[in-house]
Amino acid sequence: MLAGGTLYSSCEPCIMCSFVITQVGITRVVFAARGTDIPTYKPLLGADLEVAAAWVNSQRDWAPLEIVGGFMRERALRAISTFPWSEAENRDVIDTSQ
């Protein structure tokens, strides 16, 4: 059902999400903020969605993946700036083993 569809996201999907996007056949991703706009961003394997898309688009048997970044980015940046990043980094870890 998702094959050939477009995914809209407030932030650039990570490399793991990018793999899932390709496996379900989504062919276009539109996102607002880049991963690097997030204060705690750490790229997995040093790659972002553009790197993943370049690799996907070089595969002959995979559907091409179109990337549209920065759509309504300023609005997304305003929302991101209101998030309490320092609290998120210093939050308590809940022990679920009990």
N, C-alpha and C. Protein backbone atom coordinates (compact mmCIF):
# COMPACT_ATOMS: atom_id res chain seq x y z
N MET A 1 0.80 -1.20 0.00
CA MET A 1 0.00 0.00 0.00
C MET A 1 0.85 1.27 0.00
N LEU A 2 2.04 1.21 0.52
CA LEU A 2 2.89 2.39 0.58
C LEU A 2 3.76 2.55 -0.66
N ALA A 3 3.89 1.49 -1.44
CA ALA A 3 4.75 1.52 -2.62
C ALA A 3 4.37 2.65 -3.55
N GLY A 4 5.38 3.42 -3.95
CA GLY A 4 5.16 4.53 -4.85
C GLY A 4 4.67 5.79 -4.16
N GLY A 5 4.52 5.75 -2.85
CA GLY A 5 3.98 6.88 -2.09
C GLY A 5 5.03 7.89 -1.69
N THR A 6 4.54 8.96 -1.09
CA THR A 6 5.38 10.04 -0.57
C THR A 6 5.27 10.08 0.94
N LEU A 7 6.40 10.18 1.62
CA LEU A 7 6.44 10.31 3.07
C LEU A 7 6.76 11.76 3.41
N TYR A 8 5.94 12.37 4.26
CA TYR A 8 6.19 13.73 4.74
C TYR A 8 6.62 13.64 6.20
N SER A 9 7.70 14.35 6.54
CA SER A 9 8.23 14.28 7.89
C SER A 9 8.70 15.66 8.35
N SER A 10 8.55 15.92 9.64
CA SER A 10 9.03 17.19 10.18
C SER A 10 10.55 17.23 10.26
N CYS A 11 11.18 16.05 10.25
CA CYS A 11 12.64 15.98 10.33
C CYS A 11 13.15 14.89 9.38
N GLU A 12 14.36 15.07 8.93
CA GLU A 12 15.01 14.11 8.02
C GLU A 12 15.06 12.73 8.67
N PRO A 13 14.57 11.72 7.99
CA PRO A 13 14.64 10.36 8.55
C PRO A 13 16.10 9.91 8.73
N CYS A 14 16.33 9.15 9.78
CA CYS A 14 17.67 8.63 10.04
C CYS A 14 17.99 7.52 9.05
N ILE A 15 19.19 7.02 9.07
CA ILE A 15 19.62 6.00 8.12
C ILE A 15 18.84 4.69 8.31
N MET A 16 18.51 4.35 9.56
CA MET A 16 17.71 3.13 9.79
C MET A 16 16.31 3.28 9.22
N CYS A 17 15.71 4.42 9.45
CA CYS A 17 14.37 4.69 8.88
C CYS A 17 14.45 4.71 7.36
N SER A 18 15.54 5.23 6.83
CA SER A 18 15.71 5.29 5.38
C SER A 18 15.67 3.90 4.77
N PHE A 19 16.27 2.93 5.44
CA PHE A 19 16.24 1.56 4.95
C PHE A 19 14.80 1.04 4.89
N VAL A 20 14.04 1.28 5.94
CA VAL A 20 12.64 0.84 5.97
C VAL A 20 11.85 1.54 4.87
N ILE A 21 12.10 2.81 4.66
CA ILE A 21 11.43 3.57 3.60
C ILE A 21 11.65 2.89 2.26
N THR A 22 12.87 2.50 1.99
CA THR A 22 13.15 1.85 0.70
C THR A 22 12.52 0.46 0.61
N GLN A 23 12.48 -0.25 1.70
CA GLN A 23 11.95 -1.61 1.68
C GLN A 23 10.44 -1.66 1.48
N VAL A 24 9.72 -0.64 1.92
CA VAL A 24 8.27 -0.61 1.71
C VAL A 24 7.93 0.05 0.38
N GLY A 25 8.91 0.58 -0.32
CA GLY A 25 8.71 1.09 -1.66
C GLY A 25 8.31 2.55 -1.77
N ILE A 26 8.46 3.31 -0.70
CA ILE A 26 8.21 4.75 -0.77
C ILE A 26 9.23 5.34 -1.74
N THR A 27 8.78 6.18 -2.65
CA THR A 27 9.67 6.70 -3.68
C THR A 27 9.99 8.19 -3.56
N ARG A 28 9.37 8.84 -2.58
CA ARG A 28 9.64 10.27 -2.39
C ARG A 28 9.54 10.59 -0.90
N VAL A 29 10.53 11.33 -0.40
CA VAL A 29 10.54 11.77 1.00
C VAL A 29 10.67 13.28 1.02
N VAL A 30 9.72 13.93 1.69
CA VAL A 30 9.73 15.38 1.85
C VAL A 30 9.87 15.66 3.35
N PHE A 31 10.91 16.41 3.72
CA PHE A 31 11.09 16.70 5.15
C PHE A 31 11.43 18.16 5.36
N ALA A 32 11.18 18.62 6.58
CA ALA A 32 11.40 20.03 6.93
C ALA A 32 12.83 20.25 7.44
N ALA A 33 13.09 19.83 8.65
CA ALA A 33 14.40 20.06 9.28
C ALA A 33 15.39 18.96 8.92
N ARG A 34 16.63 19.33 8.81
CA ARG A 34 17.70 18.35 8.59
C ARG A 34 18.08 17.72 9.93
N GLY A 35 18.64 16.53 9.87
CA GLY A 35 19.10 15.89 11.10
C GLY A 35 20.07 16.78 11.86
N THR A 36 20.90 17.50 11.13
CA THR A 36 21.90 18.37 11.76
C THR A 36 21.26 19.58 12.46
N ASP A 37 19.97 19.81 12.25
CA ASP A 37 19.26 20.88 12.96
C ASP A 37 18.90 20.47 14.39
N ILE A 38 18.99 19.20 14.69
CA ILE A 38 18.65 18.68 16.01
C ILE A 38 19.91 18.72 16.88
N PRO A 39 19.85 19.38 18.04
CA PRO A 39 21.05 19.53 18.87
C PRO A 39 21.74 18.22 19.25
N THR A 40 21.01 17.15 19.42
CA THR A 40 21.62 15.88 19.85
C THR A 40 21.86 14.92 18.68
N TYR A 41 21.80 15.42 17.47
CA TYR A 41 21.94 14.57 16.27
C TYR A 41 23.29 13.86 16.21
N LYS A 42 23.22 12.57 15.96
CA LYS A 42 24.43 11.76 15.75
C LYS A 42 24.16 10.86 14.55
N PRO A 43 24.78 11.13 13.41
CA PRO A 43 24.50 10.32 12.22
C PRO A 43 24.98 8.88 12.40
N LEU A 44 24.14 7.96 12.02
CA LEU A 44 24.49 6.55 12.08
C LEU A 44 25.36 6.21 10.88
N LEU A 45 26.52 5.64 11.11
CA LEU A 45 27.47 5.27 10.06
C LEU A 45 27.92 6.48 9.24
N GLY A 46 27.82 7.67 9.83
CA GLY A 46 28.27 8.87 9.15
C GLY A 46 27.44 9.23 7.93
N ALA A 47 26.22 8.71 7.85
CA ALA A 47 25.40 8.93 6.66
C ALA A 47 24.10 9.64 7.00
N ASP A 48 23.58 10.35 6.01
CA ASP A 48 22.27 10.96 6.15
C ASP A 48 21.38 10.45 5.02
N LEU A 49 20.19 11.01 4.89
CA LEU A 49 19.25 10.52 3.90
C LEU A 49 19.76 10.71 2.47
N GLU A 50 20.47 11.80 2.21
CA GLU A 50 20.98 12.02 0.86
C GLU A 50 22.00 10.95 0.47
N VAL A 51 22.84 10.54 1.41
CA VAL A 51 23.81 9.47 1.15
C VAL A 51 23.07 8.16 0.90
N ALA A 52 22.06 7.89 1.72
CA ALA A 52 21.27 6.66 1.53
C ALA A 52 20.57 6.67 0.18
N ALA A 53 20.00 7.81 -0.20
CA ALA A 53 19.29 7.91 -1.48
C ALA A 53 20.24 7.72 -2.65
N ALA A 54 21.43 8.25 -2.56
CA ALA A 54 22.41 8.06 -3.64
C ALA A 54 22.73 6.59 -3.81
N TRP A 55 22.88 5.87 -2.70
CA TRP A 55 23.15 4.44 -2.78
C TRP A 55 21.95 3.70 -3.37
N VAL A 56 20.75 4.02 -2.88
CA VAL A 56 19.53 3.37 -3.38
C VAL A 56 19.39 3.61 -4.88
N ASN A 57 19.62 4.84 -5.30
CA ASN A 57 19.45 5.18 -6.72
C ASN A 57 20.50 4.54 -7.62
N SER A 58 21.55 4.00 -7.04
CA SER A 58 22.55 3.29 -7.85
C SER A 58 22.23 1.79 -7.98
N GLN A 59 21.19 1.34 -7.29
CA GLN A 59 20.79 -0.07 -7.35
C GLN A 59 19.79 -0.24 -8.50
N ARG A 60 20.13 -1.10 -9.45
CA ARG A 60 19.28 -1.26 -10.63
C ARG A 60 17.91 -1.87 -10.32
N ASP A 61 17.82 -2.69 -9.30
CA ASP A 61 16.55 -3.37 -9.02
C ASP A 61 15.75 -2.73 -7.89
N TRP A 62 16.12 -1.53 -7.47
CA TRP A 62 15.37 -0.81 -6.44
C TRP A 62 14.68 0.39 -7.07
N ALA A 63 13.52 0.74 -6.54
CA ALA A 63 12.82 1.94 -7.02
C ALA A 63 13.63 3.18 -6.65
N PRO A 64 13.72 4.14 -7.55
CA PRO A 64 14.45 5.37 -7.22
C PRO A 64 13.80 6.12 -6.06
N LEU A 65 14.62 6.82 -5.31
CA LEU A 65 14.15 7.56 -4.15
C LEU A 65 14.45 9.05 -4.35
N GLU A 66 13.40 9.85 -4.38
CA GLU A 66 13.54 11.30 -4.52
C GLU A 66 13.51 11.94 -3.13
N ILE A 67 14.41 12.87 -2.90
CA ILE A 67 14.51 13.55 -1.61
C ILE A 67 14.23 15.04 -1.80
N VAL A 68 13.32 15.58 -0.99
CA VAL A 68 13.04 17.01 -1.00
C VAL A 68 13.22 17.49 0.44
N GLY A 69 14.33 18.14 0.70
CA GLY A 69 14.63 18.60 2.05
C GLY A 69 14.40 20.09 2.21
N GLY A 70 14.14 20.50 3.43
CA GLY A 70 14.00 21.92 3.74
C GLY A 70 12.62 22.48 3.52
N PHE A 71 11.63 21.63 3.22
CA PHE A 71 10.26 22.11 3.02
C PHE A 71 9.70 22.63 4.34
N MET A 72 9.37 23.89 4.41
CA MET A 72 8.87 24.55 5.63
C MET A 72 9.88 24.42 6.78
N ARG A 73 11.16 24.49 6.47
CA ARG A 73 12.22 24.29 7.46
C ARG A 73 12.17 25.32 8.59
N GLU A 74 11.95 26.58 8.25
CA GLU A 74 11.94 27.61 9.29
C GLU A 74 10.87 27.34 10.34
N ARG A 75 9.73 26.87 9.90
CA ARG A 75 8.65 26.54 10.85
C ARG A 75 9.07 25.37 11.74
N ALA A 76 9.71 24.37 11.15
CA ALA A 76 10.18 23.22 11.93
C ALA A 76 11.24 23.65 12.92
N LEU A 77 12.13 24.55 12.52
CA LEU A 77 13.18 25.02 13.43
C LEU A 77 12.59 25.74 14.64
N ARG A 78 11.52 26.47 14.42
CA ARG A 78 10.86 27.14 15.56
C ARG A 78 10.33 26.10 16.54
N ALA A 79 9.74 25.05 16.03
CA ALA A 79 9.21 23.99 16.90
C ALA A 79 10.34 23.27 17.62
N ILE A 80 11.42 22.98 16.91
CA ILE A 80 12.56 22.28 17.50
C ILE A 80 13.19 23.12 18.61
N SER A 81 13.22 24.44 18.41
CA SER A 81 13.87 25.31 19.40
C SER A 81 13.12 25.35 20.73
N THR A 82 11.85 24.96 20.76
CA THR A 82 11.09 24.98 22.00
C THR A 82 11.23 23.69 22.82
N PHE A 83 11.86 22.67 22.23
CA PHE A 83 12.01 21.40 22.94
C PHE A 83 13.10 21.53 24.01
N PRO A 84 12.87 20.98 25.20
CA PRO A 84 13.88 21.09 26.29
C PRO A 84 15.01 20.07 26.11
N TRP A 85 15.93 20.34 25.19
CA TRP A 85 17.00 19.38 24.86
C TRP A 85 17.88 19.04 26.05
N SER A 86 18.21 20.01 26.88
CA SER A 86 19.09 19.72 28.03
C SER A 86 18.40 18.77 29.00
N GLU A 87 17.09 18.91 29.18
CA GLU A 87 16.36 17.98 30.05
C GLU A 87 16.33 16.58 29.45
N ALA A 88 16.18 16.50 28.15
CA ALA A 88 16.14 15.20 27.50
C ALA A 88 17.47 14.47 27.63
N GLU A 89 18.57 15.21 27.53
CA GLU A 89 19.90 14.60 27.65
C GLU A 89 20.18 14.13 29.07
N ASN A 90 19.59 14.78 30.06
CA ASN A 90 19.88 14.48 31.46
C ASN A 90 18.75 13.73 32.17
N ARG A 91 17.84 13.16 31.42
CA ARG A 91 16.70 12.48 32.03
C ARG A 91 17.13 11.20 32.74
N ASP A 92 16.35 10.81 33.71
CA ASP A 92 16.61 9.58 34.44
C ASP A 92 16.27 8.39 33.55
N VAL A 93 17.03 7.35 33.70
CA VAL A 93 16.76 6.11 32.96
C VAL A 93 15.89 5.23 33.87
N ILE A 94 14.81 4.74 33.33
CA ILE A 94 13.88 3.91 34.10
C ILE A 94 14.35 2.46 34.04
N ASP A 95 14.48 1.84 35.19
CA ASP A 95 14.88 0.45 35.27
C ASP A 95 13.63 -0.41 35.07
N THR A 96 13.54 -1.09 33.94
CA THR A 96 12.37 -1.92 33.64
C THR A 96 12.61 -3.39 33.90
N SER A 97 13.75 -3.71 34.49
CA SER A 97 14.07 -5.13 34.73
C SER A 97 13.35 -5.72 35.94
N GLN A 98 12.72 -4.89 36.74
CA GLN A 98 12.06 -5.39 37.96
C GLN A 98 10.59 -5.64 37.74
